[in-house]
N, C-alpha and C. Protein backbone atom coordinates (compact mmCIF):
# COMPACT_ATOMS: atom_id res chain seq x y z
N UNK A 1 -124.11 -45.19 -78.26
CA UNK A 1 -124.07 -44.07 -79.46
C UNK A 1 -122.72 -43.98 -79.98
N UNK A 2 -122.63 -44.00 -81.34
CA UNK A 2 -121.81 -44.30 -82.76
C UNK A 2 -121.56 -42.62 -82.94
N UNK A 3 -122.67 -42.34 -83.23
CA UNK A 3 -122.66 -40.65 -84.42
C UNK A 3 -123.48 -40.01 -83.64
N UNK A 4 -123.75 -38.89 -84.60
CA UNK A 4 -124.13 -37.51 -83.70
C UNK A 4 -125.19 -37.38 -85.49
N UNK A 5 -125.68 -37.20 -85.95
CA UNK A 5 -126.71 -36.84 -86.90
C UNK A 5 -126.22 -35.27 -87.49
N UNK A 6 -125.66 -35.39 -88.46
CA UNK A 6 -125.63 -33.49 -88.92
C UNK A 6 -126.64 -33.06 -88.19
N UNK A 7 -127.84 -32.99 -88.45
CA UNK A 7 -128.97 -32.14 -87.67
C UNK A 7 -128.93 -32.03 -86.34
N UNK A 8 -128.76 -32.92 -85.66
CA UNK A 8 -128.85 -32.38 -84.38
C UNK A 8 -127.14 -31.92 -84.01
N UNK A 9 -126.23 -32.20 -84.82
CA UNK A 9 -125.20 -31.87 -84.29
C UNK A 9 -125.26 -30.44 -84.60
N UNK A 10 -125.61 -29.74 -85.48
CA UNK A 10 -125.84 -28.14 -85.37
C UNK A 10 -126.64 -27.92 -84.56
N UNK A 11 -127.86 -28.35 -84.21
CA UNK A 11 -128.38 -28.05 -83.19
C UNK A 11 -127.51 -27.65 -81.79
N UNK A 12 -126.82 -28.71 -81.37
CA UNK A 12 -126.02 -29.05 -80.28
C UNK A 12 -124.63 -27.48 -80.72
N UNK A 13 -124.18 -27.39 -82.13
CA UNK A 13 -123.08 -26.32 -82.44
C UNK A 13 -123.95 -25.04 -81.91
N UNK A 14 -125.29 -24.95 -82.38
CA UNK A 14 -125.94 -23.23 -82.10
C UNK A 14 -125.75 -23.31 -80.84
N UNK A 15 -125.98 -24.31 -80.26
CA UNK A 15 -126.23 -23.80 -78.66
C UNK A 15 -125.18 -23.55 -77.78
N UNK A 16 -124.06 -24.50 -78.21
CA UNK A 16 -122.53 -23.96 -77.97
C UNK A 16 -122.07 -22.33 -78.33
N UNK A 17 -122.85 -21.92 -79.41
CA UNK A 17 -122.24 -21.35 -80.01
C UNK A 17 -123.05 -19.93 -79.35
N UNK A 18 -124.28 -20.23 -78.92
CA UNK A 18 -125.27 -18.88 -78.37
C UNK A 18 -124.56 -18.87 -76.39
N UNK A 19 -123.94 -19.63 -75.97
CA UNK A 19 -123.39 -19.95 -74.40
C UNK A 19 -122.47 -19.01 -75.03
N UNK A 20 -121.60 -19.04 -75.89
CA UNK A 20 -120.63 -18.47 -75.86
C UNK A 20 -120.77 -17.22 -76.04
N UNK A 21 -121.42 -17.17 -77.04
CA UNK A 21 -122.10 -15.50 -77.04
C UNK A 21 -122.51 -14.97 -75.48
N UNK A 22 -123.42 -15.47 -75.09
CA UNK A 22 -123.63 -14.90 -73.36
C UNK A 22 -122.51 -14.70 -72.66
N UNK A 23 -121.75 -15.83 -72.64
CA UNK A 23 -120.61 -15.89 -71.46
C UNK A 23 -119.65 -14.69 -72.12
N UNK A 24 -119.40 -14.50 -73.05
CA UNK A 24 -118.46 -13.34 -73.31
C UNK A 24 -119.24 -11.46 -72.78
N UNK A 25 -120.70 -11.41 -72.41
CA UNK A 25 -121.47 -10.51 -72.55
C UNK A 25 -120.86 -9.91 -71.33
N UNK A 26 -120.72 -8.64 -70.91
CA UNK A 26 -120.76 -8.32 -69.98
C UNK A 26 -121.66 -8.49 -68.98
N UNK A 27 -121.49 -8.27 -67.29
CA UNK A 27 -122.72 -8.38 -66.58
C UNK A 27 -123.94 -7.15 -66.57
N UNK A 28 -125.08 -7.67 -66.67
CA UNK A 28 -125.86 -6.22 -67.14
C UNK A 28 -126.00 -5.43 -65.95
N UNK A 29 -126.29 -3.83 -66.07
CA UNK A 29 -126.22 -3.28 -65.31
C UNK A 29 -127.31 -3.28 -64.27
N UNK A 30 -127.01 -3.36 -62.74
CA UNK A 30 -128.45 -3.18 -62.11
C UNK A 30 -128.78 -2.11 -61.24
N UNK A 31 -129.92 -2.07 -61.20
CA UNK A 31 -130.25 -0.33 -61.54
C UNK A 31 -131.31 -0.89 -59.76
N UNK A 32 -131.12 -1.50 -59.60
CA UNK A 32 -132.31 -2.07 -58.56
C UNK A 32 -131.89 -1.32 -57.63
N UNK A 33 -132.46 -0.70 -56.00
CA UNK A 33 -132.29 0.28 -55.67
C UNK A 33 -131.52 -0.79 -53.73
N UNK A 34 -131.93 -1.35 -53.74
CA UNK A 34 -131.66 -2.44 -52.61
C UNK A 34 -130.71 -3.15 -52.49
N UNK A 35 -129.56 -2.72 -51.76
CA UNK A 35 -128.36 -3.27 -51.92
C UNK A 35 -128.74 -5.41 -52.21
N UNK A 36 -129.75 -5.69 -50.94
CA UNK A 36 -130.34 -6.78 -51.02
C UNK A 36 -130.62 -8.06 -51.98
N UNK A 37 -131.29 -6.68 -53.28
CA UNK A 37 -132.16 -7.37 -54.21
C UNK A 37 -130.87 -7.05 -55.07
N UNK A 38 -129.75 -6.44 -55.31
CA UNK A 38 -128.64 -6.19 -55.76
C UNK A 38 -126.99 -7.77 -55.56
N UNK A 39 -127.24 -7.89 -54.74
CA UNK A 39 -126.98 -9.40 -53.90
C UNK A 39 -127.37 -10.32 -54.93
N UNK A 40 -128.94 -10.36 -54.24
CA UNK A 40 -129.47 -11.49 -54.99
C UNK A 40 -129.61 -12.21 -56.55
N UNK A 41 -129.64 -11.06 -56.92
CA UNK A 41 -129.52 -10.26 -58.53
C UNK A 41 -127.93 -11.32 -59.12
N UNK A 42 -126.88 -10.88 -58.22
CA UNK A 42 -125.77 -10.62 -58.68
C UNK A 42 -125.59 -12.51 -58.63
N UNK A 43 -125.85 -12.99 -57.55
CA UNK A 43 -125.86 -14.65 -57.34
C UNK A 43 -126.43 -15.39 -58.58
N UNK A 44 -127.81 -14.63 -58.59
CA UNK A 44 -128.48 -15.52 -59.80
C UNK A 44 -127.90 -15.13 -60.52
N UNK A 45 -127.31 -14.27 -61.40
CA UNK A 45 -126.28 -14.04 -62.69
C UNK A 45 -124.98 -14.91 -62.73
N UNK A 46 -123.89 -14.95 -61.34
CA UNK A 46 -123.18 -15.92 -60.83
C UNK A 46 -123.43 -17.43 -61.26
N UNK A 47 -124.63 -17.80 -60.71
CA UNK A 47 -125.35 -19.00 -61.02
C UNK A 47 -125.46 -19.72 -61.99
N UNK A 48 -126.36 -18.83 -63.01
CA UNK A 48 -126.51 -18.68 -64.17
C UNK A 48 -125.25 -18.87 -64.84
N UNK A 49 -124.10 -18.27 -64.95
CA UNK A 49 -123.10 -18.16 -66.05
C UNK A 49 -122.11 -19.42 -65.53
N UNK A 50 -122.30 -20.24 -64.12
CA UNK A 50 -121.64 -21.39 -63.86
C UNK A 50 -122.01 -22.27 -64.55
N UNK A 51 -123.42 -22.73 -64.27
CA UNK A 51 -123.74 -24.06 -65.34
C UNK A 51 -123.69 -23.84 -66.92
N UNK A 52 -123.76 -21.98 -67.37
CA UNK A 52 -123.75 -22.40 -68.93
C UNK A 52 -122.21 -22.52 -68.94
N UNK A 53 -121.34 -22.42 -68.13
CA UNK A 53 -119.89 -23.09 -68.15
C UNK A 53 -119.84 -24.33 -68.65
N UNK A 54 -120.68 -24.96 -67.50
CA UNK A 54 -120.39 -26.43 -67.64
C UNK A 54 -121.22 -27.26 -68.63
N UNK A 55 -122.09 -26.43 -68.83
CA UNK A 55 -122.83 -26.82 -70.43
C UNK A 55 -121.93 -26.69 -71.31
N UNK A 56 -121.77 -25.71 -71.55
CA UNK A 56 -120.58 -25.27 -72.83
C UNK A 56 -119.31 -26.52 -72.91
N UNK A 57 -118.80 -27.44 -71.85
CA UNK A 57 -117.60 -28.11 -71.59
C UNK A 57 -118.56 -29.24 -71.74
N UNK A 58 -119.69 -29.83 -71.42
CA UNK A 58 -120.47 -30.86 -71.92
C UNK A 58 -120.59 -31.30 -73.14
N UNK A 59 -120.84 -29.85 -73.62
CA UNK A 59 -121.33 -29.61 -75.05
C UNK A 59 -119.83 -30.32 -76.15
N UNK A 60 -118.90 -29.56 -75.28
CA UNK A 60 -117.58 -29.74 -76.26
C UNK A 60 -117.10 -30.59 -76.27
N UNK A 61 -117.15 -31.70 -74.61
CA UNK A 61 -117.01 -32.93 -75.03
C UNK A 61 -117.45 -33.85 -75.91
N UNK A 62 -119.09 -33.62 -75.65
CA UNK A 62 -119.78 -34.15 -76.74
C UNK A 62 -119.56 -34.03 -77.94
N UNK A 63 -119.03 -32.80 -78.41
CA UNK A 63 -118.89 -32.82 -79.79
C UNK A 63 -117.60 -34.10 -80.38
N UNK A 64 -116.64 -33.71 -79.41
CA UNK A 64 -115.41 -33.67 -79.73
C UNK A 64 -115.48 -35.46 -79.82
N UNK A 65 -116.65 -36.57 -78.86
CA UNK A 65 -116.22 -37.71 -78.92
C UNK A 65 -116.84 -38.31 -79.73
N UNK A 66 -117.96 -37.82 -80.59
CA UNK A 66 -118.96 -38.10 -81.87
C UNK A 66 -119.02 -37.61 -82.41
N UNK A 67 -118.35 -38.34 -83.90
CA UNK A 67 -118.33 -37.59 -85.13
C UNK A 67 -119.99 -37.32 -85.81
N UNK A 68 -119.61 -36.16 -86.62
CA UNK A 68 -120.89 -36.47 -87.83
C UNK A 68 -121.36 -37.67 -88.35
N UNK A 69 -122.44 -37.63 -88.69
CA UNK A 69 -122.68 -38.64 -89.16
C UNK A 69 -123.94 -38.35 -90.28
N UNK A 70 -124.19 -38.83 -91.54
CA UNK A 70 -124.90 -37.94 -92.40
C UNK A 70 -126.01 -38.27 -91.74
N UNK A 71 -126.72 -39.60 -91.55
CA UNK A 71 -128.34 -40.00 -91.30
C UNK A 71 -128.02 -40.38 -89.61
N UNK A 72 -129.74 -40.81 -89.17
CA UNK A 72 -129.51 -40.60 -87.82
C UNK A 72 -128.91 -42.16 -87.59
N UNK A 73 -128.09 -41.72 -86.78
CA UNK A 73 -127.82 -43.54 -85.93
C UNK A 73 -127.77 -42.95 -84.48
N UNK A 74 -128.54 -44.52 -83.76
CA UNK A 74 -129.07 -44.72 -82.31
C UNK A 74 -129.84 -43.69 -82.18
N UNK A 75 -131.10 -43.69 -83.03
CA UNK A 75 -132.11 -42.48 -82.39
C UNK A 75 -132.77 -43.13 -81.44
N UNK A 76 -132.29 -44.48 -80.57
CA UNK A 76 -133.64 -44.15 -79.95
C UNK A 76 -133.65 -43.57 -78.42
N UNK A 77 -132.57 -42.85 -78.75
CA UNK A 77 -131.91 -42.61 -77.35
C UNK A 77 -131.58 -40.67 -76.97
N UNK A 78 -132.14 -40.57 -76.00
CA UNK A 78 -132.48 -39.33 -75.71
C UNK A 78 -130.69 -38.35 -75.61
N UNK A 79 -130.45 -37.77 -76.67
CA UNK A 79 -129.30 -36.88 -76.26
C UNK A 79 -129.36 -35.29 -76.51
N UNK A 80 -128.07 -34.49 -76.59
CA UNK A 80 -128.13 -32.91 -76.93
C UNK A 80 -128.26 -33.00 -78.45
N UNK A 81 -129.25 -32.24 -78.80
CA UNK A 81 -129.44 -32.08 -80.20
C UNK A 81 -130.83 -32.52 -80.79
N UNK A 82 -130.76 -33.86 -80.35
CA UNK A 82 -132.35 -34.27 -80.73
C UNK A 82 -133.42 -33.53 -80.06
N UNK A 83 -134.55 -33.88 -80.74
CA UNK A 83 -136.28 -33.32 -80.44
C UNK A 83 -136.32 -35.15 -79.93
N UNK A 84 -137.14 -34.42 -78.97
CA UNK A 84 -137.75 -35.46 -78.03
C UNK A 84 -139.61 -35.18 -77.87
N UNK A 85 -140.24 -36.45 -78.41
CA UNK A 85 -141.83 -36.25 -78.48
C UNK A 85 -142.23 -36.72 -76.50
N UNK A 86 -142.98 -35.94 -75.80
CA UNK A 86 -143.29 -36.99 -74.82
C UNK A 86 -144.54 -36.89 -74.53
N UNK A 87 -145.29 -37.61 -73.70
CA UNK A 87 -146.58 -37.33 -73.69
C UNK A 87 -146.45 -37.88 -71.60
N UNK A 88 -147.03 -36.47 -71.04
CA UNK A 88 -147.21 -36.89 -69.29
C UNK A 88 -148.43 -37.54 -69.00
N UNK A 89 -148.14 -38.28 -68.21
CA UNK A 89 -149.23 -38.73 -67.06
C UNK A 89 -149.74 -39.90 -68.11
N UNK A 90 -151.57 -39.69 -68.14
CA UNK A 90 -151.89 -41.00 -68.87
C UNK A 90 -152.11 -40.01 -70.45
N UNK A 91 -151.78 -38.94 -70.53
CA UNK A 91 -151.71 -38.06 -71.76
C UNK A 91 -151.95 -38.71 -72.92
N UNK A 92 -152.79 -38.55 -74.03
CA UNK A 92 -151.99 -39.06 -74.93
C UNK A 92 -151.49 -38.50 -75.86
N UNK A 93 -151.90 -36.71 -75.78
CA UNK A 93 -151.01 -35.74 -76.42
C UNK A 93 -149.23 -36.16 -76.63
N UNK A 94 -148.84 -35.75 -77.62
CA UNK A 94 -147.31 -35.85 -77.28
C UNK A 94 -146.71 -34.55 -77.66
N UNK A 95 -145.81 -33.88 -76.66
CA UNK A 95 -145.22 -32.83 -77.09
C UNK A 95 -143.81 -33.12 -77.27
N UNK A 96 -143.88 -32.25 -78.15
CA UNK A 96 -142.44 -32.39 -79.08
C UNK A 96 -141.04 -31.41 -78.21
N UNK A 97 -140.07 -31.44 -77.39
CA UNK A 97 -139.13 -29.75 -77.15
C UNK A 97 -137.89 -30.74 -77.80
N UNK A 98 -137.16 -29.75 -77.40
CA UNK A 98 -135.73 -29.29 -77.65
C UNK A 98 -135.23 -29.16 -76.50
N UNK A 99 -134.13 -29.99 -75.88
CA UNK A 99 -133.64 -29.50 -74.54
C UNK A 99 -132.15 -28.99 -75.10
N UNK A 100 -132.79 -27.59 -74.27
CA UNK A 100 -131.46 -26.42 -74.85
C UNK A 100 -131.76 -25.50 -74.10
N UNK A 101 -130.00 -25.04 -73.33
CA UNK A 101 -130.29 -24.07 -72.44
C UNK A 101 -130.37 -22.50 -72.91
N UNK A 102 -130.30 -22.78 -74.85
CA UNK A 102 -130.83 -21.30 -75.30
C UNK A 102 -131.78 -21.12 -76.10
N UNK A 103 -132.01 -20.14 -77.51
CA UNK A 103 -132.86 -20.73 -78.31
C UNK A 103 -132.68 -21.66 -79.11
N UNK A 104 -134.03 -22.55 -79.62
CA UNK A 104 -133.96 -23.48 -80.22
C UNK A 104 -133.18 -23.61 -81.63
N UNK A 105 -132.91 -23.93 -82.47
CA UNK A 105 -132.41 -23.95 -83.61
C UNK A 105 -133.26 -24.10 -84.60
N UNK A 106 -134.80 -24.72 -84.37
CA UNK A 106 -135.89 -24.84 -85.90
C UNK A 106 -136.75 -23.74 -84.54
N UNK A 107 -137.49 -23.49 -85.46
CA UNK A 107 -139.10 -22.73 -85.06
C UNK A 107 -139.55 -23.59 -84.55
N UNK A 108 -140.47 -23.65 -83.98
CA UNK A 108 -141.43 -24.10 -83.19
C UNK A 108 -140.94 -25.50 -82.29
N UNK A 109 -142.53 -25.80 -81.32
CA UNK A 109 -141.60 -26.80 -80.24
C UNK A 109 -141.70 -26.52 -79.25
N UNK A 110 -141.99 -26.51 -78.07
CA UNK A 110 -141.39 -26.54 -76.88
C UNK A 110 -139.49 -26.52 -76.86
N UNK A 111 -139.48 -25.54 -75.52
CA UNK A 111 -138.06 -25.88 -74.92
C UNK A 111 -137.53 -26.01 -73.79
N UNK A 112 -136.73 -27.47 -73.70
CA UNK A 112 -136.53 -27.76 -72.19
C UNK A 112 -135.29 -27.65 -71.94
N UNK A 113 -134.87 -26.56 -70.44
CA UNK A 113 -133.92 -26.09 -70.33
C UNK A 113 -133.24 -27.42 -69.07
N UNK A 114 -132.10 -27.75 -70.07
CA UNK A 114 -131.31 -29.10 -69.50
C UNK A 114 -130.85 -29.00 -67.67
N UNK A 115 -131.56 -27.54 -67.19
CA UNK A 115 -131.49 -27.80 -66.04
C UNK A 115 -132.31 -28.25 -65.41
N UNK A 116 -133.47 -28.65 -65.87
CA UNK A 116 -134.94 -28.98 -65.35
C UNK A 116 -134.21 -30.34 -64.89
N UNK A 117 -135.09 -30.77 -63.83
CA UNK A 117 -135.14 -32.40 -63.24
C UNK A 117 -135.56 -32.88 -64.22
N UNK A 118 -136.49 -32.96 -65.31
CA UNK A 118 -137.26 -33.80 -66.22
C UNK A 118 -136.11 -33.73 -67.24
N UNK A 119 -135.17 -32.82 -67.43
CA UNK A 119 -134.46 -32.94 -68.52
C UNK A 119 -133.75 -33.71 -68.58
N UNK A 120 -132.41 -33.83 -67.23
CA UNK A 120 -131.35 -34.33 -66.47
C UNK A 120 -132.49 -36.09 -66.34
N UNK A 121 -133.71 -36.07 -65.77
CA UNK A 121 -134.27 -37.47 -66.12
C UNK A 121 -134.19 -38.32 -67.49
N UNK A 122 -134.42 -37.14 -68.46
CA UNK A 122 -134.66 -37.23 -69.78
C UNK A 122 -133.10 -38.03 -70.54
N UNK A 123 -132.29 -37.39 -70.17
CA UNK A 123 -130.64 -37.82 -70.88
C UNK A 123 -130.69 -38.97 -70.98
N UNK A 124 -130.19 -39.60 -71.76
CA UNK A 124 -129.50 -40.99 -72.38
C UNK A 124 -130.55 -42.45 -72.39
N UNK A 125 -132.15 -41.59 -72.25
CA UNK A 125 -133.25 -42.28 -71.68
C UNK A 125 -133.18 -42.83 -73.39
N UNK A 126 -134.25 -44.32 -73.55
CA UNK A 126 -134.80 -44.44 -74.85
C UNK A 126 -136.18 -44.32 -74.92
N UNK A 127 -136.76 -44.63 -76.67
CA UNK A 127 -138.25 -44.48 -76.82
C UNK A 127 -138.76 -45.79 -76.14
N UNK A 128 -139.81 -45.34 -75.35
CA UNK A 128 -140.56 -46.42 -74.49
C UNK A 128 -140.26 -46.46 -73.06
N UNK A 129 -139.34 -45.84 -72.90
CA UNK A 129 -139.29 -45.68 -71.43
C UNK A 129 -140.33 -44.66 -70.68
N UNK A 130 -140.81 -44.37 -69.19
CA UNK A 130 -141.25 -43.89 -68.54
C UNK A 130 -140.04 -43.20 -67.72
N UNK A 131 -140.36 -42.03 -67.28
CA UNK A 131 -139.06 -41.36 -66.86
C UNK A 131 -139.68 -40.56 -65.42
N UNK A 132 -139.62 -40.67 -64.41
CA UNK A 132 -140.08 -39.87 -63.11
C UNK A 132 -139.24 -38.90 -62.76
N UNK A 133 -139.84 -37.34 -62.34
CA UNK A 133 -138.67 -36.32 -62.25
C UNK A 133 -139.79 -35.69 -60.81
N UNK A 134 -138.91 -34.92 -60.21
CA UNK A 134 -139.63 -34.17 -59.46
C UNK A 134 -140.21 -33.07 -60.42
N UNK A 135 -141.08 -31.91 -60.14
CA UNK A 135 -141.68 -30.95 -60.76
C UNK A 135 -141.22 -29.73 -60.08
N UNK A 136 -141.70 -28.65 -60.45
CA UNK A 136 -141.21 -27.13 -59.95
C UNK A 136 -142.09 -26.98 -57.82
N UNK A 137 -142.96 -28.12 -57.90
CA UNK A 137 -143.86 -27.58 -56.84
C UNK A 137 -143.27 -28.92 -55.98
N UNK A 138 -142.55 -30.30 -56.37
CA UNK A 138 -142.41 -30.83 -55.51
C UNK A 138 -142.52 -32.07 -55.81
N UNK A 139 -144.37 -32.30 -56.64
CA UNK A 139 -144.03 -33.55 -56.77
C UNK A 139 -143.72 -34.31 -57.78
N UNK A 140 -143.96 -35.61 -57.89
CA UNK A 140 -143.28 -36.94 -58.44
C UNK A 140 -144.35 -36.76 -59.97
N UNK A 141 -143.79 -36.39 -60.68
CA UNK A 141 -144.34 -36.73 -62.31
C UNK A 141 -143.58 -37.90 -63.31
N UNK A 142 -144.65 -37.99 -64.05
CA UNK A 142 -144.14 -39.36 -64.97
C UNK A 142 -144.10 -38.52 -66.66
N UNK A 143 -143.03 -38.82 -67.13
CA UNK A 143 -143.09 -38.55 -68.23
C UNK A 143 -142.96 -39.92 -69.51
N UNK A 144 -143.34 -39.69 -70.88
CA UNK A 144 -143.36 -40.99 -71.58
C UNK A 144 -142.48 -40.50 -72.72
N UNK A 145 -141.31 -41.26 -73.57
CA UNK A 145 -140.99 -41.28 -74.51
C UNK A 145 -141.45 -41.95 -75.56
N UNK A 146 -142.21 -41.17 -76.28
CA UNK A 146 -142.87 -41.57 -77.52
C UNK A 146 -141.58 -41.45 -78.44
N UNK A 147 -141.26 -40.39 -78.94
CA UNK A 147 -140.11 -40.57 -79.92
C UNK A 147 -138.84 -39.80 -79.89
N UNK A 148 -138.07 -39.95 -80.44
CA UNK A 148 -136.50 -38.70 -80.48
C UNK A 148 -136.35 -39.26 -81.98
N UNK A 149 -136.20 -37.83 -82.53
CA UNK A 149 -135.42 -37.51 -83.64
C UNK A 149 -134.70 -36.55 -84.12
N UNK A 150 -133.59 -36.50 -85.04
CA UNK A 150 -132.80 -35.84 -85.56
C UNK A 150 -133.31 -34.78 -86.07
């Protein structure tokens, strides 16, 4: 991959900005009365912050490594900031999603968390590929990459 199209770059910058804003917020006040619930909530919050810090570092490195280009380059590969069209199993319907940890930069389309097994399997895959992943119930699933666009 030699560059990142301006539209994809804006999506990555938007996600990075939202992550930074989230990480600057104070820890939310926990009103749970049970100390075990509070401890579990705190562990969940700390895990989320750690994931977002790792994601922010990844996105910062990506932005430094790839220059902005006025048009799509290497648009056949799933990369941060790009929209990906997926068909699941043998279905012909295509669902378009953005892989982001925050609110999507554009309205419409689905959001796919980068921390899911599907998103991990998709990253750097190319159009026409079938990727296997394990869903939340532990079942093996297949997603077919139908298109990638900036």
